[in-house]
Amino acid sequence: MPREIAALRKAPVELGEGVAAFGYPLASVLSSSGNFNRGDVSATEGMKDDTRHMQISIPVQPGNSGGPVVDYYGNVVGVVRHKLDAMMVAAVSGDIPQNVNFAIKEIGR
């Protein structure tokens, strides 16, 4: 049983801020002990300027959804939500987007 839990940060995230995520992506293929990745806040809003979300550059795979996004002090700033559908974007634009991922933000506010 953990002795402490991560605190929810009250201040909003900032553009370019370093963040990290832990999860169990592709658990049947990758490490069953989990994966830790770092990235940045790429945009303080999600798709179509959705202010409930933020865009993050942390690599996200199936199994990361629902995992915490933390600042470099260990405070929770969001929850991994989803990644951009690369195949759909490629079909429309002819380009394959990379590391376009989203998290629900400001869960403690």
PDB file of N, CA and C in Angstrom:
ATOM      1  N   MET A   1       0.843  -1.170   0.000  1.00  0.00           N
ATOM      2  CA  MET A   1       0.000   0.000   0.000  1.00  0.00           C
ATOM      3  C   MET A   1       0.895   1.242   0.000  1.00  0.00           C
ATOM      4  N   PRO A   2       0.680   2.167  -0.954  1.00  0.00           N
ATOM      5  CA  PRO A   2       1.523   3.362  -0.992  1.00  0.00           C
ATOM      6  C   PRO A   2       1.317   4.241   0.236  1.00  0.00           C
ATOM      7  N   ARG A   3       2.390   4.854   0.653  1.00  0.00           N
ATOM      8  CA  ARG A   3       2.302   5.753   1.809  1.00  0.00           C
ATOM      9  C   ARG A   3       1.828   7.134   1.412  1.00  0.00           C
ATOM     10  N   GLU A   4       2.088   7.504   0.167  1.00  0.00           N
ATOM     11  CA  GLU A   4       1.694   8.823  -0.313  1.00  0.00           C
ATOM     12  C   GLU A   4       1.068   8.690  -1.691  1.00  0.00           C
ATOM     13  N   ILE A   5       0.265   9.675  -2.046  1.00  0.00           N
ATOM     14  CA  ILE A   5      -0.287   9.737  -3.389  1.00  0.00           C
ATOM     15  C   ILE A   5       0.138  11.065  -4.006  1.00  0.00           C
ATOM     16  N   ALA A   6       0.130  11.134  -5.327  1.00  0.00           N
ATOM     17  CA  ALA A   6       0.516  12.369  -6.006  1.00  0.00           C
ATOM     18  C   ALA A   6      -0.519  13.454  -5.742  1.00  0.00           C
ATOM     19  N   ALA A   7      -0.034  14.663  -5.561  1.00  0.00           N
ATOM     20  CA  ALA A   7      -0.915  15.808  -5.340  1.00  0.00           C
ATOM     21  C   ALA A   7      -1.425  16.342  -6.674  1.00  0.00           C
ATOM     22  N   LEU A   8      -2.628  16.872  -6.679  1.00  0.00           N
ATOM     23  CA  LEU A   8      -3.172  17.530  -7.855  1.00  0.00           C
ATOM     24  C   LEU A   8      -2.670  18.969  -7.865  1.00  0.00           C
ATOM     25  N   ARG A   9      -2.027  19.373  -8.926  1.00  0.00           N
ATOM     26  CA  ARG A   9      -1.514  20.738  -9.014  1.00  0.00           C
ATOM     27  C   ARG A   9      -2.657  21.701  -9.280  1.00  0.00           C
ATOM     28  N   LYS A  10      -2.651  22.818  -8.581  1.00  0.00           N
ATOM     29  CA  LYS A  10      -3.715  23.805  -8.727  1.00  0.00           C
ATOM     30  C   LYS A  10      -3.448  24.802  -9.837  1.00  0.00           C
ATOM     31  N   ALA A  11      -2.193  25.091 -10.136  1.00  0.00           N
ATOM     32  CA  ALA A  11      -1.855  26.038 -11.195  1.00  0.00           C
ATOM     33  C   ALA A  11      -1.995  25.365 -12.560  1.00  0.00           C
ATOM     34  N   PRO A  12      -2.455  26.112 -13.563  1.00  0.00           N
ATOM     35  CA  PRO A  12      -2.587  25.512 -14.898  1.00  0.00           C
ATOM     36  C   PRO A  12      -1.232  25.210 -15.528  1.00  0.00           C
ATOM     37  N   VAL A  13      -1.226  24.292 -16.481  1.00  0.00           N
ATOM     38  CA  VAL A  13       0.005  23.984 -17.208  1.00  0.00           C
ATOM     39  C   VAL A  13       0.361  25.150 -18.120  1.00  0.00           C
ATOM     40  N   GLU A  14       1.645  25.215 -18.468  1.00  0.00           N
ATOM     41  CA  GLU A  14       2.107  26.273 -19.357  1.00  0.00           C
ATOM     42  C   GLU A  14       2.645  25.682 -20.648  1.00  0.00           C
ATOM     43  N   LEU A  15       2.511  26.419 -21.716  1.00  0.00           N
ATOM     44  CA  LEU A  15       3.020  26.002 -23.011  1.00  0.00           C
ATOM     45  C   LEU A  15       4.516  25.728 -22.905  1.00  0.00           C
ATOM     46  N   GLY A  16       4.962  24.582 -23.375  1.00  0.00           N
ATOM     47  CA  GLY A  16       6.372  24.216 -23.340  1.00  0.00           C
ATOM     48  C   GLY A  16       6.841  23.587 -22.043  1.00  0.00           C
ATOM     49  N   GLU A  17       5.959  23.489 -21.064  1.00  0.00           N
ATOM     50  CA  GLU A  17       6.325  22.898 -19.771  1.00  0.00           C
ATOM     51  C   GLU A  17       6.627  21.414 -19.923  1.00  0.00           C
ATOM     52  N   GLY A  18       7.648  20.955 -19.227  1.00  0.00           N
ATOM     53  CA  GLY A  18       7.993  19.544 -19.232  1.00  0.00           C
ATOM     54  C   GLY A  18       7.008  18.731 -18.408  1.00  0.00           C
ATOM     55  N   VAL A  19       6.550  17.615 -18.971  1.00  0.00           N
ATOM     56  CA  VAL A  19       5.621  16.718 -18.290  1.00  0.00           C
ATOM     57  C   VAL A  19       6.056  15.279 -18.539  1.00  0.00           C
ATOM     58  N   ALA A  20       5.505  14.372 -17.763  1.00  0.00           N
ATOM     59  CA  ALA A  20       5.837  12.955 -17.890  1.00  0.00           C
ATOM     60  C   ALA A  20       4.577  12.126 -17.689  1.00  0.00           C
ATOM     61  N   ALA A  21       4.634  10.886 -18.165  1.00  0.00           N
ATOM     62  CA  ALA A  21       3.497   9.977 -18.002  1.00  0.00           C
ATOM     63  C   ALA A  21       4.004   8.573 -17.710  1.00  0.00           C
ATOM     64  N   PHE A  22       3.200   7.843 -16.949  1.00  0.00           N
ATOM     65  CA  PHE A  22       3.493   6.445 -16.659  1.00  0.00           C
ATOM     66  C   PHE A  22       2.273   5.637 -17.054  1.00  0.00           C
ATOM     67  N   GLY A  23       2.498   4.484 -17.653  1.00  0.00           N
ATOM     68  CA  GLY A  23       1.376   3.633 -18.021  1.00  0.00           C
ATOM     69  C   GLY A  23       1.837   2.271 -18.460  1.00  0.00           C
ATOM     70  N   TYR A  24       0.924   1.512 -18.964  1.00  0.00           N
ATOM     71  CA  TYR A  24       1.183   0.150 -19.409  1.00  0.00           C
ATOM     72  C   TYR A  24       0.803   0.005 -20.885  1.00  0.00           C
ATOM     73  N   PRO A  25       1.500   0.744 -21.776  1.00  0.00           N
ATOM     74  CA  PRO A  25       1.143   0.676 -23.190  1.00  0.00           C
ATOM     75  C   PRO A  25       1.511  -0.664 -23.807  1.00  0.00           C
ATOM     76  N   LEU A  26       0.609  -1.163 -24.620  1.00  0.00           N
ATOM     77  CA  LEU A  26       0.847  -2.427 -25.333  1.00  0.00           C
ATOM     78  C   LEU A  26       1.436  -3.478 -24.397  1.00  0.00           C
ATOM     79  N   ALA A  27       0.783  -3.673 -23.271  1.00  0.00           N
ATOM     80  CA  ALA A  27       1.314  -4.534 -22.203  1.00  0.00           C
ATOM     81  C   ALA A  27       1.625  -5.951 -22.664  1.00  0.00           C
ATOM     82  N   SER A  28       0.918  -6.448 -23.665  1.00  0.00           N
ATOM     83  CA  SER A  28       1.200  -7.803 -24.133  1.00  0.00           C
ATOM     84  C   SER A  28       2.462  -7.873 -24.988  1.00  0.00           C
ATOM     85  N   VAL A  29       2.967  -6.699 -25.420  1.00  0.00           N
ATOM     86  CA  VAL A  29       4.149  -6.640 -26.272  1.00  0.00           C
ATOM     87  C   VAL A  29       5.330  -5.989 -25.553  1.00  0.00           C
ATOM     88  N   LEU A  30       5.068  -4.891 -24.871  1.00  0.00           N
ATOM     89  CA  LEU A  30       6.127  -4.138 -24.189  1.00  0.00           C
ATOM     90  C   LEU A  30       6.259  -4.600 -22.742  1.00  0.00           C
ATOM     91  N   SER A  31       7.005  -3.882 -21.959  1.00  0.00           N
ATOM     92  CA  SER A  31       7.269  -4.239 -20.568  1.00  0.00           C
ATOM     93  C   SER A  31       5.983  -4.324 -19.742  1.00  0.00           C
ATOM     94  N   SER A  32       5.814  -5.420 -19.024  1.00  0.00           N
ATOM     95  CA  SER A  32       4.644  -5.560 -18.162  1.00  0.00           C
ATOM     96  C   SER A  32       4.798  -4.773 -16.871  1.00  0.00           C
ATOM     97  N   SER A  33       5.996  -4.223 -16.620  1.00  0.00           N
ATOM     98  CA  SER A  33       6.207  -3.413 -15.415  1.00  0.00           C
ATOM     99  C   SER A  33       5.912  -1.939 -15.661  1.00  0.00           C
ATOM    100  N   GLY A  34       5.499  -1.584 -16.884  1.00  0.00           N
ATOM    101  CA  GLY A  34       5.116  -0.210 -17.174  1.00  0.00           C
ATOM    102  C   GLY A  34       6.199   0.562 -17.900  1.00  0.00           C
ATOM    103  N   ASN A  35       5.793   1.712 -18.424  1.00  0.00           N
ATOM    104  CA  ASN A  35       6.696   2.589 -19.152  1.00  0.00           C
ATOM    105  C   ASN A  35       6.568   4.015 -18.646  1.00  0.00           C
ATOM    106  N   PHE A  36       7.689   4.698 -18.555  1.00  0.00           N
ATOM    107  CA  PHE A  36       7.756   6.087 -18.135  1.00  0.00           C
ATOM    108  C   PHE A  36       8.319   6.890 -19.296  1.00  0.00           C
ATOM    109  N   ASN A  37       7.623   7.960 -19.679  1.00  0.00           N
ATOM    110  CA  ASN A  37       8.071   8.807 -20.780  1.00  0.00           C
ATOM    111  C   ASN A  37       7.927  10.273 -20.431  1.00  0.00           C
ATOM    112  N   ARG A  38       8.817  11.080 -21.008  1.00  0.00           N
ATOM    113  CA  ARG A  38       8.777  12.534 -20.829  1.00  0.00           C
ATOM    114  C   ARG A  38       8.434  13.216 -22.135  1.00  0.00           C
ATOM    115  N   GLY A  39       7.912  14.420 -22.011  1.00  0.00           N
ATOM    116  CA  GLY A  39       7.601  15.242 -23.173  1.00  0.00           C
ATOM    117  C   GLY A  39       7.304  16.652 -22.719  1.00  0.00           C
ATOM    118  N   ASP A  40       6.618  17.371 -23.553  1.00  0.00           N
ATOM    119  CA  ASP A  40       6.287  18.771 -23.263  1.00  0.00           C
ATOM    120  C   ASP A  40       4.818  19.029 -23.526  1.00  0.00           C
ATOM    121  N   VAL A  41       4.326  20.126 -22.966  1.00  0.00           N
ATOM    122  CA  VAL A  41       2.991  20.596 -23.299  1.00  0.00           C
ATOM    123  C   VAL A  41       3.136  21.319 -24.636  1.00  0.00           C
ATOM    124  N   SER A  42       2.603  20.716 -25.691  1.00  0.00           N
ATOM    125  CA  SER A  42       2.717  21.274 -27.039  1.00  0.00           C
ATOM    126  C   SER A  42       1.697  22.373 -27.289  1.00  0.00           C
ATOM    127  N   ALA A  43       0.545  22.268 -26.659  1.00  0.00           N
ATOM    128  CA  ALA A  43      -0.521  23.274 -26.764  1.00  0.00           C
ATOM    129  C   ALA A  43      -1.352  23.186 -25.492  1.00  0.00           C
ATOM    130  N   THR A  44      -1.794  24.317 -25.007  1.00  0.00           N
ATOM    131  CA  THR A  44      -2.581  24.326 -23.771  1.00  0.00           C
ATOM    132  C   THR A  44      -4.057  24.042 -24.027  1.00  0.00           C
ATOM    133  N   GLU A  45      -4.414  23.819 -25.287  1.00  0.00           N
ATOM    134  CA  GLU A  45      -5.763  23.404 -25.650  1.00  0.00           C
ATOM    135  C   GLU A  45      -5.670  22.154 -26.508  1.00  0.00           C
ATOM    136  N   GLY A  46      -6.784  21.450 -26.610  1.00  0.00           N
ATOM    137  CA  GLY A  46      -6.840  20.253 -27.433  1.00  0.00           C
ATOM    138  C   GLY A  46      -7.322  20.569 -28.839  1.00  0.00           C
ATOM    139  N   MET A  47      -7.849  19.554 -29.508  1.00  0.00           N
ATOM    140  CA  MET A  47      -8.341  19.735 -30.875  1.00  0.00           C
ATOM    141  C   MET A  47      -9.474  20.756 -30.905  1.00  0.00           C
ATOM    142  N   LYS A  48      -9.477  21.551 -31.950  1.00  0.00           N
ATOM    143  CA  LYS A  48     -10.495  22.603 -32.140  1.00  0.00           C
ATOM    144  C   LYS A  48     -10.578  23.522 -30.919  1.00  0.00           C
ATOM    145  N   ASP A  49      -9.423  23.804 -30.309  1.00  0.00           N
ATOM    146  CA  ASP A  49      -9.316  24.713 -29.160  1.00  0.00           C
ATOM    147  C   ASP A  49     -10.109  24.279 -27.935  1.00  0.00           C
ATOM    148  N   ASP A  50     -10.271  22.979 -27.755  1.00  0.00           N
ATOM    149  CA  ASP A  50     -10.978  22.441 -26.596  1.00  0.00           C
ATOM    150  C   ASP A  50     -10.153  22.720 -25.342  1.00  0.00           C
ATOM    151  N   THR A  51     -10.644  23.595 -24.492  1.00  0.00           N
ATOM    152  CA  THR A  51      -9.895  24.025 -23.300  1.00  0.00           C
ATOM    153  C   THR A  51      -9.872  22.980 -22.191  1.00  0.00           C
ATOM    154  N   ARG A  52     -10.639  21.899 -22.335  1.00  0.00           N
ATOM    155  CA  ARG A  52     -10.605  20.832 -21.336  1.00  0.00           C
ATOM    156  C   ARG A  52      -9.376  19.949 -21.492  1.00  0.00           C
ATOM    157  N   HIS A  53      -8.719  20.048 -22.647  1.00  0.00           N
ATOM    158  CA  HIS A  53      -7.589  19.193 -22.963  1.00  0.00           C
ATOM    159  C   HIS A  53      -6.320  20.005 -23.209  1.00  0.00           C
ATOM    160  N   MET A  54      -5.199  19.305 -23.188  1.00  0.00           N
ATOM    161  CA  MET A  54      -3.922  19.878 -23.603  1.00  0.00           C
ATOM    162  C   MET A  54      -3.277  18.878 -24.557  1.00  0.00           C
ATOM    163  N   GLN A  55      -2.449  19.399 -25.455  1.00  0.00           N
ATOM    164  CA  GLN A  55      -1.703  18.526 -26.360  1.00  0.00           C
ATOM    165  C   GLN A  55      -0.334  18.285 -25.753  1.00  0.00           C
ATOM    166  N   ILE A  56       0.098  17.029 -25.760  1.00  0.00           N
ATOM    167  CA  ILE A  56       1.390  16.666 -25.169  1.00  0.00           C
ATOM    168  C   ILE A  56       2.229  15.903 -26.185  1.00  0.00           C
ATOM    169  N   SER A  57       3.548  16.035 -26.057  1.00  0.00           N
ATOM    170  CA  SER A  57       4.447  15.327 -26.972  1.00  0.00           C
ATOM    171  C   SER A  57       4.934  13.998 -26.398  1.00  0.00           C
ATOM    172  N   ILE A  58       4.412  13.602 -25.263  1.00  0.00           N
ATOM    173  CA  ILE A  58       4.767  12.316 -24.662  1.00  0.00           C
ATOM    174  C   ILE A  58       4.256  11.199 -25.577  1.00  0.00           C
ATOM    175  N   PRO A  59       5.093  10.209 -25.921  1.00  0.00           N
ATOM    176  CA  PRO A  59       4.602   9.083 -26.710  1.00  0.00           C
ATOM    177  C   PRO A  59       3.462   8.361 -25.978  1.00  0.00           C
ATOM    178  N   VAL A  60       2.368   8.128 -26.687  1.00  0.00           N
ATOM    179  CA  VAL A  60       1.180   7.498 -26.109  1.00  0.00           C
ATOM    180  C   VAL A  60       0.774   6.321 -26.989  1.00  0.00           C
ATOM    181  N   GLN A  61       0.464   5.200 -26.353  1.00  0.00           N
ATOM    182  CA  GLN A  61       0.016   3.990 -27.036  1.00  0.00           C
ATOM    183  C   GLN A  61      -1.228   3.471 -26.315  1.00  0.00           C
ATOM    184  N   PRO A  62      -1.949   2.526 -26.937  1.00  0.00           N
ATOM    185  CA  PRO A  62      -3.046   1.902 -26.198  1.00  0.00           C
ATOM    186  C   PRO A  62      -2.519   1.339 -24.873  1.00  0.00           C
ATOM    187  N   GLY A  63      -3.188   1.670 -23.795  1.00  0.00           N
ATOM    188  CA  GLY A  63      -2.742   1.258 -22.465  1.00  0.00           C
ATOM    189  C   GLY A  63      -2.259   2.430 -21.634  1.00  0.00           C
ATOM    190  N   ASN A  64      -1.953   3.563 -22.290  1.00  0.00           N
ATOM    191  CA  ASN A  64      -1.585   4.768 -21.547  1.00  0.00           C
ATOM    192  C   ASN A  64      -2.824   5.531 -21.076  1.00  0.00           C
ATOM    193  N   SER A  65      -3.929   5.402 -21.804  1.00  0.00           N
ATOM    194  CA  SER A  65      -5.132   6.162 -21.474  1.00  0.00           C
ATOM    195  C   SER A  65      -5.545   5.937 -20.029  1.00  0.00           C
ATOM    196  N   GLY A  66      -5.872   7.028 -19.355  1.00  0.00           N
ATOM    197  CA  GLY A  66      -6.265   6.971 -17.955  1.00  0.00           C
ATOM    198  C   GLY A  66      -5.104   7.101 -16.997  1.00  0.00           C
ATOM    199  N   GLY A  67      -3.892   7.074 -17.517  1.00  0.00           N
ATOM    200  CA  GLY A  67      -2.710   7.219 -16.667  1.00  0.00           C
ATOM    201  C   GLY A  67      -2.413   8.683 -16.362  1.00  0.00           C
ATOM    202  N   PRO A  68      -1.673   8.941 -15.305  1.00  0.00           N
ATOM    203  CA  PRO A  68      -1.400  10.320 -14.909  1.00  0.00           C
ATOM    204  C   PRO A  68      -0.385  11.011 -15.814  1.00  0.00           C
ATOM    205  N   VAL A  69      -0.575  12.311 -15.978  1.00  0.00           N
ATOM    206  CA  VAL A  69       0.426  13.203 -16.562  1.00  0.00           C
ATOM    207  C   VAL A  69       0.882  14.073 -15.405  1.00  0.00           C
ATOM    208  N   VAL A  70       2.181  14.091 -15.140  1.00  0.00           N
ATOM    209  CA  VAL A  70       2.705  14.818 -13.992  1.00  0.00           C
ATOM    210  C   VAL A  70       3.718  15.859 -14.428  1.00  0.00           C
ATOM    211  N   ASP A  71       3.847  16.915 -13.612  1.00  0.00           N
ATOM    212  CA  ASP A  71       4.913  17.884 -13.854  1.00  0.00           C
ATOM    213  C   ASP A  71       6.207  17.315 -13.282  1.00  0.00           C
ATOM    214  N   TYR A  72       7.292  18.027 -13.443  1.00  0.00           N
ATOM    215  CA  TYR A  72       8.582  17.496 -12.996  1.00  0.00           C
ATOM    216  C   TYR A  72       8.764  17.536 -11.477  1.00  0.00           C
ATOM    217  N   TYR A  73       7.732  17.978 -10.751  1.00  0.00           N
ATOM    218  CA  TYR A  73       7.742  17.914  -9.289  1.00  0.00           C
ATOM    219  C   TYR A  73       6.883  16.755  -8.788  1.00  0.00           C
ATOM    220  N   GLY A  74       6.282  16.010  -9.719  1.00  0.00           N
ATOM    221  CA  GLY A  74       5.450  14.869  -9.357  1.00  0.00           C
ATOM    222  C   GLY A  74       3.991  15.196  -9.118  1.00  0.00           C
ATOM    223  N   ASN A  75       3.586  16.443  -9.384  1.00  0.00           N
ATOM    224  CA  ASN A  75       2.186  16.836  -9.223  1.00  0.00           C
ATOM    225  C   ASN A  75       1.380  16.441 -10.460  1.00  0.00           C
ATOM    226  N   VAL A  76       0.201  15.897 -10.247  1.00  0.00           N
ATOM    227  CA  VAL A  76      -0.652  15.503 -11.364  1.00  0.00           C
ATOM    228  C   VAL A  76      -1.233  16.755 -12.022  1.00  0.00           C
ATOM    229  N   VAL A  77      -1.026  16.871 -13.347  1.00  0.00           N
ATOM    230  CA  VAL A  77      -1.561  18.010 -14.100  1.00  0.00           C
ATOM    231  C   VAL A  77      -2.600  17.568 -15.124  1.00  0.00           C
ATOM    232  N   GLY A  78      -2.766  16.258 -15.284  1.00  0.00           N
ATOM    233  CA  GLY A  78      -3.743  15.767 -16.241  1.00  0.00           C
ATOM    234  C   GLY A  78      -3.792  14.257 -16.282  1.00  0.00           C
ATOM    235  N   VAL A  79      -4.611  13.755 -17.197  1.00  0.00           N
ATOM    236  CA  VAL A  79      -4.790  12.324 -17.396  1.00  0.00           C
ATOM    237  C   VAL A  79      -4.722  12.059 -18.902  1.00  0.00           C
ATOM    238  N   VAL A  80      -3.907  11.091 -19.301  1.00  0.00           N
ATOM    239  CA  VAL A  80      -3.791  10.748 -20.721  1.00  0.00           C
ATOM    240  C   VAL A  80      -5.170  10.377 -21.259  1.00  0.00           C
ATOM    241  N   ARG A  81      -5.531  10.970 -22.385  1.00  0.00           N
ATOM    242  CA  ARG A  81      -6.867  10.744 -22.971  1.00  0.00           C
ATOM    243  C   ARG A  81      -6.799   9.943 -24.267  1.00  0.00           C
ATOM    244  N   HIS A  82      -6.075  10.469 -25.270  1.00  0.00           N
ATOM    245  CA  HIS A  82      -6.024   9.801 -26.565  1.00  0.00           C
ATOM    246  C   HIS A  82      -4.930  10.394 -27.438  1.00  0.00           C
ATOM    247  N   LYS A  83      -4.719   9.757 -28.586  1.00  0.00           N
ATOM    248  CA  LYS A  83      -3.784  10.294 -29.564  1.00  0.00           C
ATOM    249  C   LYS A  83      -4.528  10.569 -30.856  1.00  0.00           C
ATOM    250  N   LEU A  84      -3.949  11.441 -31.669  1.00  0.00           N
ATOM    251  CA  LEU A  84      -4.538  11.763 -32.955  1.00  0.00           C
ATOM    252  C   LEU A  84      -4.518  10.520 -33.841  1.00  0.00           C
ATOM    253  N   ASP A  85      -5.562  10.292 -34.581  1.00  0.00           N
ATOM    254  CA  ASP A  85      -5.656   9.152 -35.484  1.00  0.00           C
ATOM    255  C   ASP A  85      -4.757   9.416 -36.693  1.00  0.00           C
ATOM    256  N   ALA A  86      -3.542   8.887 -36.651  1.00  0.00           N
ATOM    257  CA  ALA A  86      -2.539   9.156 -37.680  1.00  0.00           C
ATOM    258  C   ALA A  86      -2.979   8.679 -39.057  1.00  0.00           C
ATOM    259  N   MET A  87      -3.644   7.555 -39.125  1.00  0.00           N
ATOM    260  CA  MET A  87      -4.071   7.026 -40.421  1.00  0.00           C
ATOM    261  C   MET A  87      -5.148   7.913 -41.059  1.00  0.00           C
ATOM    262  N   MET A  88      -6.051   8.438 -40.237  1.00  0.00           N
ATOM    263  CA  MET A  88      -7.084   9.327 -40.761  1.00  0.00           C
ATOM    264  C   MET A  88      -6.448  10.617 -41.276  1.00  0.00           C
ATOM    265  N   VAL A  89      -5.534  11.180 -40.515  1.00  0.00           N
ATOM    266  CA  VAL A  89      -4.868  12.415 -40.936  1.00  0.00           C
ATOM    267  C   VAL A  89      -4.056  12.164 -42.203  1.00  0.00           C
ATOM    268  N   ALA A  90      -3.377  11.032 -42.280  1.00  0.00           N
ATOM    269  CA  ALA A  90      -2.585  10.692 -43.465  1.00  0.00           C
ATOM    270  C   ALA A  90      -3.478  10.576 -44.705  1.00  0.00           C
ATOM    271  N   ALA A  91      -4.658  10.000 -44.538  1.00  0.00           N
ATOM    272  CA  ALA A  91      -5.577   9.853 -45.665  1.00  0.00           C
ATOM    273  C   ALA A  91      -6.049  11.217 -46.176  1.00  0.00           C
ATOM    274  N   VAL A  92      -6.206  12.170 -45.266  1.00  0.00           N
ATOM    275  CA  VAL A  92      -6.705  13.496 -45.637  1.00  0.00           C
ATOM    276  C   VAL A  92      -5.577  14.410 -46.117  1.00  0.00           C
ATOM    277  N   SER A  93      -4.433  14.373 -45.425  1.00  0.00           N
ATOM    278  CA  SER A  93      -3.367  15.336 -45.708  1.00  0.00           C
ATOM    279  C   SER A  93      -2.174  14.773 -46.477  1.00  0.00           C
ATOM    280  N   GLY A  94      -2.045  13.446 -46.481  1.00  0.00           N
ATOM    281  CA  GLY A  94      -0.876  12.838 -47.117  1.00  0.00           C
ATOM    282  C   GLY A  94       0.352  12.821 -46.226  1.00  0.00           C
ATOM    283  N   ASP A  95       0.207  13.253 -44.978  1.00  0.00           N
ATOM    284  CA  ASP A  95       1.322  13.293 -44.030  1.00  0.00           C
ATOM    285  C   ASP A  95       0.954  12.490 -42.786  1.00  0.00           C
ATOM    286  N   ILE A  96       1.941  11.836 -42.188  1.00  0.00           N
ATOM    287  CA  ILE A  96       1.703  11.053 -40.973  1.00  0.00           C
ATOM    288  C   ILE A  96       2.158  11.876 -39.765  1.00  0.00           C
ATOM    289  N   PRO A  97       1.218  12.304 -38.921  1.00  0.00           N
ATOM    290  CA  PRO A  97       1.592  13.084 -37.736  1.00  0.00           C
ATOM    291  C   PRO A  97       2.306  12.209 -36.706  1.00  0.00           C
ATOM    292  N   GLN A  98       3.193  12.822 -35.933  1.00  0.00           N
ATOM    293  CA  GLN A  98       3.936  12.096 -34.903  1.00  0.00           C
ATOM    294  C   GLN A  98       3.783  12.784 -33.549  1.00  0.00           C
ATOM    295  N   ASN A  99       3.577  11.978 -32.515  1.00  0.00           N
ATOM    296  CA  ASN A  99       3.470  12.465 -31.135  1.00  0.00           C
ATOM    297  C   ASN A  99       2.460  13.598 -30.972  1.00  0.00           C
ATOM    298  N   VAL A 100       1.291  13.428 -31.552  1.00  0.00           N
ATOM    299  CA  VAL A 100       0.189  14.368 -31.353  1.00  0.00           C
ATOM    300  C   VAL A 100      -0.794  13.660 -30.428  1.00  0.00           C
ATOM    301  N   ASN A 101      -0.638  13.946 -29.135  1.00  0.00           N
ATOM    302  CA  ASN A 101      -1.372  13.227 -28.099  1.00  0.00           C
ATOM    303  C   ASN A 101      -2.065  14.221 -27.180  1.00  0.00           C
ATOM    304  N   PHE A 102      -3.092  13.754 -26.486  1.00  0.00           N
ATOM    305  CA  PHE A 102      -3.910  14.654 -25.682  1.00  0.00           C
ATOM    306  C   PHE A 102      -4.155  14.107 -24.285  1.00  0.00           C
ATOM    307  N   ALA A 103      -4.303  15.040 -23.353  1.00  0.00           N
ATOM    308  CA  ALA A 103      -4.623  14.699 -21.973  1.00  0.00           C
ATOM    309  C   ALA A 103      -5.706  15.644 -21.469  1.00  0.00           C
ATOM    310  N   ILE A 104      -6.537  15.140 -20.587  1.00  0.00           N
ATOM    311  CA  ILE A 104      -7.494  15.988 -19.876  1.00  0.00           C
ATOM    312  C   ILE A 104      -6.665  16.787 -18.888  1.00  0.00           C
ATOM    313  N   LYS A 105      -6.906  18.078 -18.785  1.00  0.00           N
ATOM    314  CA  LYS A 105      -6.088  18.906 -17.917  1.00  0.00           C
ATOM    315  C   LYS A 105      -6.899  19.515 -16.789  1.00  0.00           C
ATOM    316  N   GLU A 106      -6.166  20.104 -15.874  1.00  0.00           N
ATOM    317  CA  GLU A 106      -6.732  20.875 -14.773  1.00  0.00           C
ATOM    318  C   GLU A 106      -7.783  20.090 -13.994  1.00  0.00           C
ATOM    319  N   ILE A 107      -7.460  18.836 -13.718  1.00  0.00           N
ATOM    320  CA  ILE A 107      -8.432  17.990 -13.024  1.00  0.00           C
ATOM    321  C   ILE A 107      -8.604  18.388 -11.570  1.00  0.00           C
ATOM    322  N   GLY A 108      -7.639  19.112 -11.023  1.00  0.00           N
ATOM    323  CA  GLY A 108      -7.722  19.499  -9.621  1.00  0.00           C
ATOM    324  C   GLY A 108      -8.318  20.860  -9.377  1.00  0.00           C
ATOM    325  N   ARG A 109      -8.759  21.519 -10.451  1.00  0.00           N
ATOM    326  CA  ARG A 109      -9.269  22.883 -10.307  1.00  0.00           C
ATOM    327  C   ARG A 109     -10.757  22.925 -10.280  1.00  0.00           C
TER     328      ARG A 109
END
